[in-house]
Amino acid sequence: MTQAGKRGEAIRVANRLRIVLDDRQISHADLSYLTGIPYSAVRKMSKARSCPSLAYALIVSQVLGMSVEELFWLEDKPTTREGFGADDAAFRDE
């Protein structure tokens, strides 16, 4: 899944939703019913064709009893303070 970043680079979001659904024998229709998320959105998420909204990611992870991080993650992006420049606004102590 990709989404444009603030500097124009693509942000790739990976997931293991399809694997979890297969392991638990949960269909897309079942997950749609349990979460209230449209079937088409569930299908696109599981096939990594779209980047889920934060709300969808939280709902899916809650219904499956997993953390968001267990299901979805950013590819090729730093996830710690050390991965960003020291002057990155997201980590300034102001």
C-alpha atoms as a PDB file:
ATOM      1  CA  MET A   1       0.000   0.000   0.000  1.00  0.00           C
ATOM      2  CA  THR A   2       1.311   3.425  -0.773  1.00  0.00           C
ATOM      3  CA  GLN A   3       0.405   6.938   0.123  1.00  0.00           C
ATOM      4  CA  ALA A   4       2.188  10.178  -0.773  1.00  0.00           C
ATOM      5  CA  GLY A   5       4.493  11.521   1.905  1.00  0.00           C
ATOM      6  CA  LYS A   6       4.966  15.183   2.741  1.00  0.00           C
ATOM      7  CA  ARG A   7       8.025  15.398   0.500  1.00  0.00           C
ATOM      8  CA  GLY A   8       6.432  13.541  -2.377  1.00  0.00           C
ATOM      9  CA  GLU A   9       7.983  10.151  -1.591  1.00  0.00           C
ATOM     10  CA  ALA A  10       5.702   7.135  -1.359  1.00  0.00           C
ATOM     11  CA  ILE A  11       4.944   5.781   2.092  1.00  0.00           C
ATOM     12  CA  ARG A  12       4.502   2.022   1.907  1.00  0.00           C
ATOM     13  CA  VAL A  13       2.337   0.269   4.473  1.00  0.00           C
ATOM     14  CA  ALA A  14       2.682  -3.496   4.735  1.00  0.00           C
ATOM     15  CA  ASN A  15       0.352  -5.835   6.585  1.00  0.00           C
ATOM     16  CA  ARG A  16      -0.231  -9.447   7.491  1.00  0.00           C
ATOM     17  CA  LEU A  17      -4.001  -9.242   7.597  1.00  0.00           C
ATOM     18  CA  ARG A  18      -4.492 -11.852   4.890  1.00  0.00           C
ATOM     19  CA  ILE A  19      -2.327 -14.357   6.764  1.00  0.00           C
ATOM     20  CA  VAL A  20      -4.195 -13.765  10.026  1.00  0.00           C
ATOM     21  CA  LEU A  21      -7.568 -14.129   8.333  1.00  0.00           C
ATOM     22  CA  ASP A  22      -6.486 -17.346   6.612  1.00  0.00           C
ATOM     23  CA  ASP A  23      -5.042 -18.784   9.847  1.00  0.00           C
ATOM     24  CA  ARG A  24      -8.232 -18.021  11.759  1.00  0.00           C
ATOM     25  CA  GLN A  25     -10.506 -19.036   8.890  1.00  0.00           C
ATOM     26  CA  ILE A  26     -12.180 -15.629   8.842  1.00  0.00           C
ATOM     27  CA  SER A  27     -13.576 -14.470   5.519  1.00  0.00           C
ATOM     28  CA  HIS A  28     -13.557 -10.916   4.223  1.00  0.00           C
ATOM     29  CA  ALA A  29     -17.331 -10.911   4.622  1.00  0.00           C
ATOM     30  CA  ASP A  30     -17.019 -12.049   8.256  1.00  0.00           C
ATOM     31  CA  LEU A  31     -14.487  -9.339   9.068  1.00  0.00           C
ATOM     32  CA  SER A  32     -16.645  -6.764   7.327  1.00  0.00           C
ATOM     33  CA  TYR A  33     -19.628  -7.811   9.433  1.00  0.00           C
ATOM     34  CA  LEU A  34     -17.638  -7.861  12.699  1.00  0.00           C
ATOM     35  CA  THR A  35     -16.039  -4.465  12.118  1.00  0.00           C
ATOM     36  CA  GLY A  36     -18.687  -2.561  10.199  1.00  0.00           C
ATOM     37  CA  ILE A  37     -16.053  -1.781   7.557  1.00  0.00           C
ATOM     38  CA  PRO A  38     -17.288  -2.116   3.958  1.00  0.00           C
ATOM     39  CA  TYR A  39     -16.436  -5.459   2.344  1.00  0.00           C
ATOM     40  CA  SER A  40     -14.539  -3.754  -0.485  1.00  0.00           C
ATOM     41  CA  ALA A  41     -12.332  -1.883   1.998  1.00  0.00           C
ATOM     42  CA  VAL A  42     -11.566  -5.088   3.937  1.00  0.00           C
ATOM     43  CA  ARG A  43     -10.666  -6.874   0.705  1.00  0.00           C
ATOM     44  CA  LYS A  44      -8.374  -4.041  -0.441  1.00  0.00           C
ATOM     45  CA  MET A  45      -6.667  -3.924   2.966  1.00  0.00           C
ATOM     46  CA  SER A  46      -6.025  -7.668   3.020  1.00  0.00           C
ATOM     47  CA  LYS A  47      -4.580  -7.594  -0.491  1.00  0.00           C
ATOM     48  CA  ALA A  48      -2.432  -4.537   0.360  1.00  0.00           C
ATOM     49  CA  ARG A  49      -4.152  -2.473  -2.332  1.00  0.00           C
ATOM     50  CA  SER A  50      -4.992   0.432  -0.072  1.00  0.00           C
ATOM     51  CA  CYS A  51      -3.652   2.131   3.006  1.00  0.00           C
ATOM     52  CA  PRO A  52      -6.180   1.737   5.817  1.00  0.00           C
ATOM     53  CA  SER A  53      -7.311   4.770   7.731  1.00  0.00           C
ATOM     54  CA  LEU A  54      -6.217   4.934  11.342  1.00  0.00           C
ATOM     55  CA  ALA A  55      -9.783   4.212  12.413  1.00  0.00           C
ATOM     56  CA  TYR A  56     -10.010   1.100  10.231  1.00  0.00           C
ATOM     57  CA  ALA A  57      -6.620  -0.155  11.409  1.00  0.00           C
ATOM     58  CA  LEU A  58      -7.636   0.309  15.053  1.00  0.00           C
ATOM     59  CA  ILE A  59     -11.022  -1.377  14.578  1.00  0.00           C
ATOM     60  CA  VAL A  60      -9.562  -4.374  12.727  1.00  0.00           C
ATOM     61  CA  SER A  61      -6.791  -4.870  15.264  1.00  0.00           C
ATOM     62  CA  GLN A  62      -9.241  -4.620  18.174  1.00  0.00           C
ATOM     63  CA  VAL A  63     -11.656  -7.152  16.655  1.00  0.00           C
ATOM     64  CA  LEU A  64      -8.779  -9.557  15.959  1.00  0.00           C
ATOM     65  CA  GLY A  65      -7.320  -9.065  19.457  1.00  0.00           C
ATOM     66  CA  MET A  66      -3.991  -7.801  18.126  1.00  0.00           C
ATOM     67  CA  SER A  67      -2.082  -4.552  18.231  1.00  0.00           C
ATOM     68  CA  VAL A  68      -2.042  -2.315  15.180  1.00  0.00           C
ATOM     69  CA  GLU A  69       1.721  -2.870  14.944  1.00  0.00           C
ATOM     70  CA  GLU A  70       1.221  -6.634  14.730  1.00  0.00           C
ATOM     71  CA  LEU A  71      -0.965  -6.169  11.652  1.00  0.00           C
ATOM     72  CA  PHE A  72       0.348  -3.042   9.906  1.00  0.00           C
ATOM     73  CA  TRP A  73       3.769  -1.405   9.627  1.00  0.00           C
ATOM     74  CA  LEU A  74       5.654   1.101   7.533  1.00  0.00           C
ATOM     75  CA  GLU A  75       8.135  -0.354   5.076  1.00  0.00           C
ATOM     76  CA  ASP A  76      11.590   1.181   4.796  1.00  0.00           C
ATOM     77  CA  LYS A  77      10.865   3.970   7.260  1.00  0.00           C
ATOM     78  CA  PRO A  78      12.617   4.680  10.549  1.00  0.00           C
ATOM     79  CA  THR A  79      10.565   3.827  13.610  1.00  0.00           C
ATOM     80  CA  THR A  80      12.774   5.260  16.340  1.00  0.00           C
ATOM     81  CA  ARG A  81      14.118   8.674  17.219  1.00  0.00           C
ATOM     82  CA  GLU A  82      17.592   7.605  16.083  1.00  0.00           C
ATOM     83  CA  GLY A  83      16.210   6.968  12.598  1.00  0.00           C
ATOM     84  CA  PHE A  84      15.271  10.615  12.160  1.00  0.00           C
ATOM     85  CA  GLY A  85      17.505  13.654  11.955  1.00  0.00           C
ATOM     86  CA  ALA A  86      18.125  15.304  15.309  1.00  0.00           C
ATOM     87  CA  ASP A  87      16.437  18.431  14.019  1.00  0.00           C
ATOM     88  CA  ASP A  88      13.250  16.623  12.955  1.00  0.00           C
ATOM     89  CA  ALA A  89      10.260  18.612  14.204  1.00  0.00           C
ATOM     90  CA  ALA A  90       8.472  15.466  15.378  1.00  0.00           C
ATOM     91  CA  PHE A  91      11.116  14.921  18.056  1.00  0.00           C
ATOM     92  CA  ARG A  92      11.927  18.432  19.192  1.00  0.00           C
ATOM     93  CA  ASP A  93      11.577  19.009  22.908  1.00  0.00           C
ATOM     94  CA  GLU A  94       9.746  22.316  22.887  1.00  0.00           C
END
